[in-house]
Amino acid sequence: MDRGDLSDAEWELIGPLLPPERGRHARPAGDNRRYLNGMLHVLRVGCPWRDMHERYGKWNSVYVRFRRWAEQGVWDAMLQTLVDLGLTDDWQHMIDSTTVRGHVSAVGGNVWLAPPASGLCLTI
């Protein structure tokens, strides 16, 4: 278990909330715990899926499962269960940098300043 991965106690609580996965030809798919740790790593670090660490499996497999769980409502059900158990507040949600964008001036973008002699000087 690496830093940031789910502990055994956390997995015992969350593991049963996840749907069982089956791969092609009815063989068991990859480990849900490893995939969930990969998903949480991408969300925590903010890296692109393609840059996810190899120890979590193939990035595309992890991403496909993440999207499937989102479409099936697994994330909403998990959050509601954790709220019902009193382990989290219902206002806690994850967002990434693709949904939040600051204005150019918020990050020190170029602001045009006229020369003082013109009388059109913008003061900040």
N, C-alpha and C. Protein backbone atom coordinates (compact mmCIF):
# COMPACT_ATOMS: atom_id res chain seq x y z
N MET A 1 0.85 -1.18 0.00
CA MET A 1 0.00 0.00 0.00
C MET A 1 0.90 1.24 0.00
N ASP A 2 0.63 2.13 -0.93
CA ASP A 2 1.41 3.35 -1.05
C ASP A 2 0.69 4.50 -0.35
N ARG A 3 1.42 5.58 -0.16
CA ARG A 3 0.85 6.76 0.49
C ARG A 3 -0.36 7.25 -0.30
N GLY A 4 -1.46 7.50 0.40
CA GLY A 4 -2.67 7.97 -0.24
C GLY A 4 -3.63 6.87 -0.63
N ASP A 5 -3.17 5.62 -0.63
CA ASP A 5 -4.07 4.51 -0.97
C ASP A 5 -4.97 4.20 0.22
N LEU A 6 -6.08 3.52 -0.07
CA LEU A 6 -7.05 3.18 0.97
C LEU A 6 -6.43 2.21 1.98
N SER A 7 -6.67 2.46 3.25
CA SER A 7 -6.22 1.54 4.30
C SER A 7 -7.15 0.32 4.31
N ASP A 8 -6.78 -0.72 5.04
CA ASP A 8 -7.62 -1.91 5.13
C ASP A 8 -8.97 -1.58 5.76
N ALA A 9 -8.97 -0.71 6.78
CA ALA A 9 -10.23 -0.33 7.43
C ALA A 9 -11.14 0.44 6.47
N GLU A 10 -10.55 1.35 5.69
CA GLU A 10 -11.34 2.12 4.71
C GLU A 10 -11.89 1.19 3.63
N TRP A 11 -11.07 0.24 3.19
CA TRP A 11 -11.52 -0.67 2.15
C TRP A 11 -12.65 -1.58 2.64
N GLU A 12 -12.58 -2.02 3.90
CA GLU A 12 -13.65 -2.86 4.46
C GLU A 12 -14.99 -2.12 4.45
N LEU A 13 -14.96 -0.81 4.59
CA LEU A 13 -16.17 -0.01 4.57
C LEU A 13 -16.66 0.26 3.15
N ILE A 14 -15.73 0.61 2.26
CA ILE A 14 -16.09 1.04 0.91
C ILE A 14 -16.23 -0.13 -0.07
N GLY A 15 -15.42 -1.15 0.08
CA GLY A 15 -15.42 -2.27 -0.86
C GLY A 15 -16.79 -2.86 -1.16
N PRO A 16 -17.60 -3.15 -0.13
CA PRO A 16 -18.92 -3.73 -0.41
C PRO A 16 -19.89 -2.78 -1.13
N LEU A 17 -19.59 -1.48 -1.17
CA LEU A 17 -20.45 -0.53 -1.86
C LEU A 17 -20.23 -0.52 -3.37
N LEU A 18 -19.14 -1.15 -3.81
CA LEU A 18 -18.81 -1.16 -5.23
C LEU A 18 -19.40 -2.38 -5.92
N PRO A 19 -19.83 -2.22 -7.17
CA PRO A 19 -20.40 -3.37 -7.88
C PRO A 19 -19.31 -4.38 -8.24
N PRO A 20 -19.65 -5.67 -8.24
CA PRO A 20 -18.67 -6.66 -8.70
C PRO A 20 -18.43 -6.49 -10.19
N GLU A 21 -17.21 -6.61 -10.60
CA GLU A 21 -16.87 -6.42 -12.01
C GLU A 21 -16.57 -7.77 -12.65
N ARG A 22 -17.01 -7.89 -13.85
CA ARG A 22 -16.73 -9.08 -14.64
C ARG A 22 -16.11 -8.65 -15.95
N GLY A 23 -15.04 -9.31 -16.32
CA GLY A 23 -14.41 -9.02 -17.60
C GLY A 23 -15.07 -9.82 -18.71
N ARG A 24 -14.47 -9.80 -19.87
CA ARG A 24 -14.96 -10.59 -20.99
C ARG A 24 -14.88 -12.07 -20.65
N HIS A 25 -15.74 -12.83 -21.22
CA HIS A 25 -15.75 -14.29 -21.07
C HIS A 25 -15.96 -14.72 -19.63
N ALA A 26 -16.66 -13.89 -18.84
CA ALA A 26 -17.07 -14.20 -17.47
C ALA A 26 -15.91 -14.44 -16.52
N ARG A 27 -14.74 -13.98 -16.85
CA ARG A 27 -13.64 -14.10 -15.90
C ARG A 27 -13.60 -12.84 -15.04
N PRO A 28 -13.14 -12.93 -13.81
CA PRO A 28 -13.11 -11.73 -12.95
C PRO A 28 -12.23 -10.64 -13.56
N ALA A 29 -12.72 -9.43 -13.50
CA ALA A 29 -11.95 -8.29 -14.00
C ALA A 29 -10.91 -7.88 -12.95
N GLY A 30 -10.16 -6.82 -13.23
CA GLY A 30 -9.13 -6.35 -12.32
C GLY A 30 -9.68 -6.00 -10.95
N ASP A 31 -8.80 -5.93 -10.00
CA ASP A 31 -9.13 -5.69 -8.61
C ASP A 31 -9.77 -4.31 -8.41
N ASN A 32 -10.98 -4.27 -7.83
CA ASN A 32 -11.67 -3.01 -7.57
C ASN A 32 -10.86 -2.09 -6.67
N ARG A 33 -10.18 -2.66 -5.68
CA ARG A 33 -9.42 -1.83 -4.74
C ARG A 33 -8.28 -1.11 -5.46
N ARG A 34 -7.57 -1.83 -6.30
CA ARG A 34 -6.46 -1.23 -7.03
C ARG A 34 -6.99 -0.14 -7.97
N TYR A 35 -8.09 -0.43 -8.66
CA TYR A 35 -8.67 0.55 -9.58
C TYR A 35 -9.19 1.77 -8.83
N LEU A 36 -9.84 1.57 -7.69
CA LEU A 36 -10.33 2.70 -6.90
C LEU A 36 -9.18 3.55 -6.41
N ASN A 37 -8.10 2.92 -5.98
CA ASN A 37 -6.92 3.68 -5.58
C ASN A 37 -6.37 4.50 -6.75
N GLY A 38 -6.41 3.94 -7.96
CA GLY A 38 -5.98 4.68 -9.15
C GLY A 38 -6.87 5.88 -9.42
N MET A 39 -8.18 5.68 -9.29
CA MET A 39 -9.13 6.78 -9.49
C MET A 39 -8.89 7.89 -8.48
N LEU A 40 -8.75 7.50 -7.22
CA LEU A 40 -8.52 8.50 -6.16
C LEU A 40 -7.19 9.21 -6.35
N HIS A 41 -6.19 8.49 -6.86
CA HIS A 41 -4.88 9.11 -7.13
C HIS A 41 -5.02 10.21 -8.19
N VAL A 42 -5.72 9.89 -9.29
CA VAL A 42 -5.90 10.88 -10.36
C VAL A 42 -6.67 12.09 -9.84
N LEU A 43 -7.72 11.85 -9.06
CA LEU A 43 -8.52 12.96 -8.53
C LEU A 43 -7.74 13.78 -7.51
N ARG A 44 -6.91 13.11 -6.70
CA ARG A 44 -6.16 13.81 -5.67
C ARG A 44 -5.02 14.63 -6.27
N VAL A 45 -4.28 14.04 -7.21
CA VAL A 45 -3.10 14.69 -7.79
C VAL A 45 -3.48 15.66 -8.90
N GLY A 46 -4.57 15.36 -9.61
CA GLY A 46 -5.00 16.22 -10.70
C GLY A 46 -4.28 15.95 -12.00
N CYS A 47 -3.66 14.78 -12.11
CA CYS A 47 -2.95 14.45 -13.35
C CYS A 47 -3.93 13.91 -14.40
N PRO A 48 -3.56 13.96 -15.66
CA PRO A 48 -4.38 13.33 -16.69
C PRO A 48 -4.42 11.82 -16.48
N TRP A 49 -5.48 11.19 -16.97
CA TRP A 49 -5.61 9.74 -16.81
C TRP A 49 -4.41 9.02 -17.41
N ARG A 50 -3.91 9.49 -18.52
CA ARG A 50 -2.78 8.83 -19.18
C ARG A 50 -1.50 8.87 -18.34
N ASP A 51 -1.42 9.81 -17.40
CA ASP A 51 -0.23 9.93 -16.55
C ASP A 51 -0.39 9.22 -15.21
N MET A 52 -1.47 8.47 -15.06
CA MET A 52 -1.68 7.72 -13.82
C MET A 52 -0.55 6.70 -13.65
N HIS A 53 -0.15 6.45 -12.43
CA HIS A 53 0.94 5.53 -12.16
C HIS A 53 0.57 4.11 -12.59
N GLU A 54 1.54 3.38 -13.12
CA GLU A 54 1.31 2.04 -13.65
C GLU A 54 0.87 1.04 -12.60
N ARG A 55 1.18 1.28 -11.33
CA ARG A 55 0.84 0.31 -10.28
C ARG A 55 -0.67 0.14 -10.10
N TYR A 56 -1.46 1.07 -10.65
CA TYR A 56 -2.91 0.98 -10.55
C TYR A 56 -3.55 0.25 -11.73
N GLY A 57 -2.75 -0.16 -12.68
CA GLY A 57 -3.26 -0.87 -13.85
C GLY A 57 -3.22 0.01 -15.08
N LYS A 58 -3.84 -0.47 -16.14
CA LYS A 58 -3.88 0.29 -17.39
C LYS A 58 -4.79 1.51 -17.19
N TRP A 59 -4.30 2.66 -17.59
CA TRP A 59 -5.05 3.90 -17.35
C TRP A 59 -6.42 3.86 -17.99
N ASN A 60 -6.53 3.28 -19.19
CA ASN A 60 -7.81 3.28 -19.88
C ASN A 60 -8.82 2.38 -19.16
N SER A 61 -8.35 1.27 -18.60
CA SER A 61 -9.25 0.38 -17.86
C SER A 61 -9.79 1.07 -16.61
N VAL A 62 -8.92 1.79 -15.93
CA VAL A 62 -9.34 2.52 -14.73
C VAL A 62 -10.33 3.61 -15.11
N TYR A 63 -10.04 4.35 -16.19
CA TYR A 63 -10.93 5.42 -16.64
C TYR A 63 -12.29 4.88 -17.05
N VAL A 64 -12.31 3.77 -17.80
CA VAL A 64 -13.57 3.19 -18.26
C VAL A 64 -14.42 2.77 -17.06
N ARG A 65 -13.79 2.17 -16.06
CA ARG A 65 -14.55 1.77 -14.87
C ARG A 65 -15.06 3.00 -14.11
N PHE A 66 -14.23 4.05 -14.02
CA PHE A 66 -14.65 5.29 -13.37
C PHE A 66 -15.91 5.85 -14.05
N ARG A 67 -15.90 5.91 -15.40
CA ARG A 67 -17.04 6.42 -16.15
C ARG A 67 -18.26 5.51 -16.00
N ARG A 68 -18.05 4.19 -16.01
CA ARG A 68 -19.15 3.25 -15.87
C ARG A 68 -19.82 3.43 -14.51
N TRP A 69 -19.00 3.55 -13.48
CA TRP A 69 -19.56 3.76 -12.13
C TRP A 69 -20.31 5.08 -12.05
N ALA A 70 -19.81 6.11 -12.72
CA ALA A 70 -20.51 7.39 -12.72
C ALA A 70 -21.87 7.25 -13.41
N GLU A 71 -21.90 6.57 -14.54
CA GLU A 71 -23.16 6.38 -15.27
C GLU A 71 -24.15 5.52 -14.50
N GLN A 72 -23.64 4.55 -13.73
CA GLN A 72 -24.50 3.66 -12.95
C GLN A 72 -24.95 4.28 -11.63
N GLY A 73 -24.40 5.44 -11.27
CA GLY A 73 -24.77 6.09 -10.02
C GLY A 73 -24.05 5.55 -8.81
N VAL A 74 -22.96 4.83 -9.02
CA VAL A 74 -22.20 4.24 -7.90
C VAL A 74 -21.64 5.32 -6.99
N TRP A 75 -21.12 6.40 -7.57
CA TRP A 75 -20.53 7.47 -6.76
C TRP A 75 -21.59 8.16 -5.90
N ASP A 76 -22.75 8.43 -6.47
CA ASP A 76 -23.83 9.06 -5.70
C ASP A 76 -24.30 8.16 -4.57
N ALA A 77 -24.44 6.87 -4.86
CA ALA A 77 -24.88 5.92 -3.83
C ALA A 77 -23.84 5.79 -2.73
N MET A 78 -22.55 5.80 -3.11
CA MET A 78 -21.49 5.70 -2.11
C MET A 78 -21.49 6.93 -1.20
N LEU A 79 -21.62 8.12 -1.79
CA LEU A 79 -21.66 9.34 -0.99
C LEU A 79 -22.87 9.33 -0.05
N GLN A 80 -24.02 8.91 -0.55
CA GLN A 80 -25.22 8.87 0.28
C GLN A 80 -25.06 7.88 1.44
N THR A 81 -24.44 6.75 1.17
CA THR A 81 -24.19 5.76 2.24
C THR A 81 -23.26 6.33 3.30
N LEU A 82 -22.21 7.00 2.87
CA LEU A 82 -21.26 7.59 3.82
C LEU A 82 -21.92 8.70 4.64
N VAL A 83 -22.82 9.46 4.01
CA VAL A 83 -23.57 10.50 4.73
C VAL A 83 -24.50 9.84 5.74
N ASP A 84 -25.23 8.79 5.32
CA ASP A 84 -26.16 8.09 6.21
C ASP A 84 -25.44 7.50 7.42
N LEU A 85 -24.19 7.05 7.22
CA LEU A 85 -23.40 6.49 8.33
C LEU A 85 -22.78 7.57 9.19
N GLY A 86 -22.90 8.83 8.78
CA GLY A 86 -22.34 9.95 9.54
C GLY A 86 -20.83 10.10 9.37
N LEU A 87 -20.28 9.53 8.29
CA LEU A 87 -18.83 9.58 8.08
C LEU A 87 -18.38 10.76 7.23
N THR A 88 -19.32 11.46 6.62
CA THR A 88 -18.99 12.63 5.81
C THR A 88 -20.22 13.53 5.73
N ASP A 89 -20.00 14.76 5.32
CA ASP A 89 -21.10 15.68 5.07
C ASP A 89 -21.52 15.56 3.62
N ASP A 90 -22.76 15.90 3.33
CA ASP A 90 -23.22 15.76 1.95
C ASP A 90 -22.75 16.90 1.05
N TRP A 91 -22.02 17.85 1.56
CA TRP A 91 -21.54 18.96 0.74
C TRP A 91 -20.16 18.68 0.16
N GLN A 92 -19.52 17.61 0.60
CA GLN A 92 -18.17 17.33 0.12
C GLN A 92 -18.22 16.66 -1.24
N HIS A 93 -17.63 17.33 -2.22
CA HIS A 93 -17.56 16.80 -3.58
C HIS A 93 -16.18 17.08 -4.14
N MET A 94 -15.78 16.32 -5.13
CA MET A 94 -14.49 16.53 -5.78
C MET A 94 -14.70 17.24 -7.10
N ILE A 95 -13.84 18.19 -7.39
CA ILE A 95 -13.84 18.85 -8.68
C ILE A 95 -12.41 18.86 -9.17
N ASP A 96 -12.22 18.99 -10.45
CA ASP A 96 -10.87 19.07 -10.97
C ASP A 96 -10.69 20.37 -11.76
N SER A 97 -9.48 20.59 -12.21
CA SER A 97 -9.16 21.86 -12.84
C SER A 97 -9.85 22.04 -14.20
N THR A 98 -10.44 20.99 -14.74
CA THR A 98 -11.12 21.15 -16.02
C THR A 98 -12.47 21.82 -15.85
N THR A 99 -12.98 21.91 -14.62
CA THR A 99 -14.28 22.53 -14.40
C THR A 99 -14.16 23.91 -13.79
N VAL A 100 -12.97 24.30 -13.36
CA VAL A 100 -12.78 25.59 -12.72
C VAL A 100 -11.70 26.34 -13.48
N ARG A 101 -12.04 27.54 -13.87
CA ARG A 101 -11.07 28.34 -14.60
C ARG A 101 -11.09 29.76 -14.06
N GLY A 102 -9.93 30.27 -13.70
CA GLY A 102 -9.83 31.63 -13.21
C GLY A 102 -9.69 32.61 -14.35
N HIS A 103 -10.08 33.84 -14.10
CA HIS A 103 -9.91 34.89 -15.09
C HIS A 103 -8.44 35.19 -15.25
N VAL A 104 -8.03 35.62 -16.44
CA VAL A 104 -6.63 35.88 -16.71
C VAL A 104 -6.03 36.87 -15.73
N SER A 105 -6.79 37.84 -15.28
CA SER A 105 -6.25 38.82 -14.36
C SER A 105 -6.07 38.24 -12.95
N ALA A 106 -6.72 37.13 -12.67
CA ALA A 106 -6.58 36.52 -11.35
C ALA A 106 -5.23 35.84 -11.18
N VAL A 107 -4.56 35.56 -12.27
CA VAL A 107 -3.27 34.88 -12.19
C VAL A 107 -2.13 35.78 -12.65
N GLY A 108 -2.34 37.07 -12.59
CA GLY A 108 -1.28 38.00 -12.95
C GLY A 108 -1.12 38.22 -14.44
N GLY A 109 -2.21 38.13 -15.16
CA GLY A 109 -2.18 38.36 -16.61
C GLY A 109 -1.80 39.80 -16.93
N ASN A 110 -1.51 40.04 -18.18
CA ASN A 110 -1.11 41.38 -18.61
C ASN A 110 -2.27 42.35 -18.44
N VAL A 111 -1.99 43.47 -17.81
CA VAL A 111 -2.95 44.56 -17.67
C VAL A 111 -2.35 45.76 -18.37
N TRP A 112 -3.09 46.35 -19.30
CA TRP A 112 -2.57 47.46 -20.06
C TRP A 112 -2.56 48.72 -19.21
N LEU A 113 -1.42 49.34 -19.13
CA LEU A 113 -1.29 50.62 -18.41
C LEU A 113 -0.82 51.67 -19.40
N ALA A 114 -1.59 52.72 -19.53
CA ALA A 114 -1.20 53.82 -20.41
C ALA A 114 -0.09 54.62 -19.74
N PRO A 115 0.74 55.25 -20.53
CA PRO A 115 1.77 56.10 -19.94
C PRO A 115 1.13 57.23 -19.12
N PRO A 116 1.74 57.61 -18.00
CA PRO A 116 1.16 58.64 -17.13
C PRO A 116 0.90 59.96 -17.85
N ALA A 117 1.67 60.31 -18.87
CA ALA A 117 1.50 61.59 -19.55
C ALA A 117 0.19 61.65 -20.33
N SER A 118 -0.37 60.51 -20.69
CA SER A 118 -1.58 60.53 -21.50
C SER A 118 -2.84 60.84 -20.69
N GLY A 119 -2.73 60.71 -19.36
CA GLY A 119 -3.88 60.96 -18.53
C GLY A 119 -4.85 59.79 -18.47
N LEU A 120 -4.50 58.67 -19.10
CA LEU A 120 -5.36 57.50 -19.13
C LEU A 120 -4.79 56.36 -18.29
N CYS A 121 -4.11 56.71 -17.24
CA CYS A 121 -3.43 55.70 -16.44
C CYS A 121 -4.45 54.91 -15.61
N LEU A 122 -4.33 53.61 -15.68
CA LEU A 122 -5.17 52.72 -14.89
C LEU A 122 -4.40 52.35 -13.64
N THR A 123 -4.98 52.65 -12.50
CA THR A 123 -4.30 52.33 -11.25
C THR A 123 -4.91 51.07 -10.65
N ILE A 124 -4.07 50.23 -10.12
CA ILE A 124 -4.51 48.98 -9.51
C ILE A 124 -4.19 48.98 -8.03
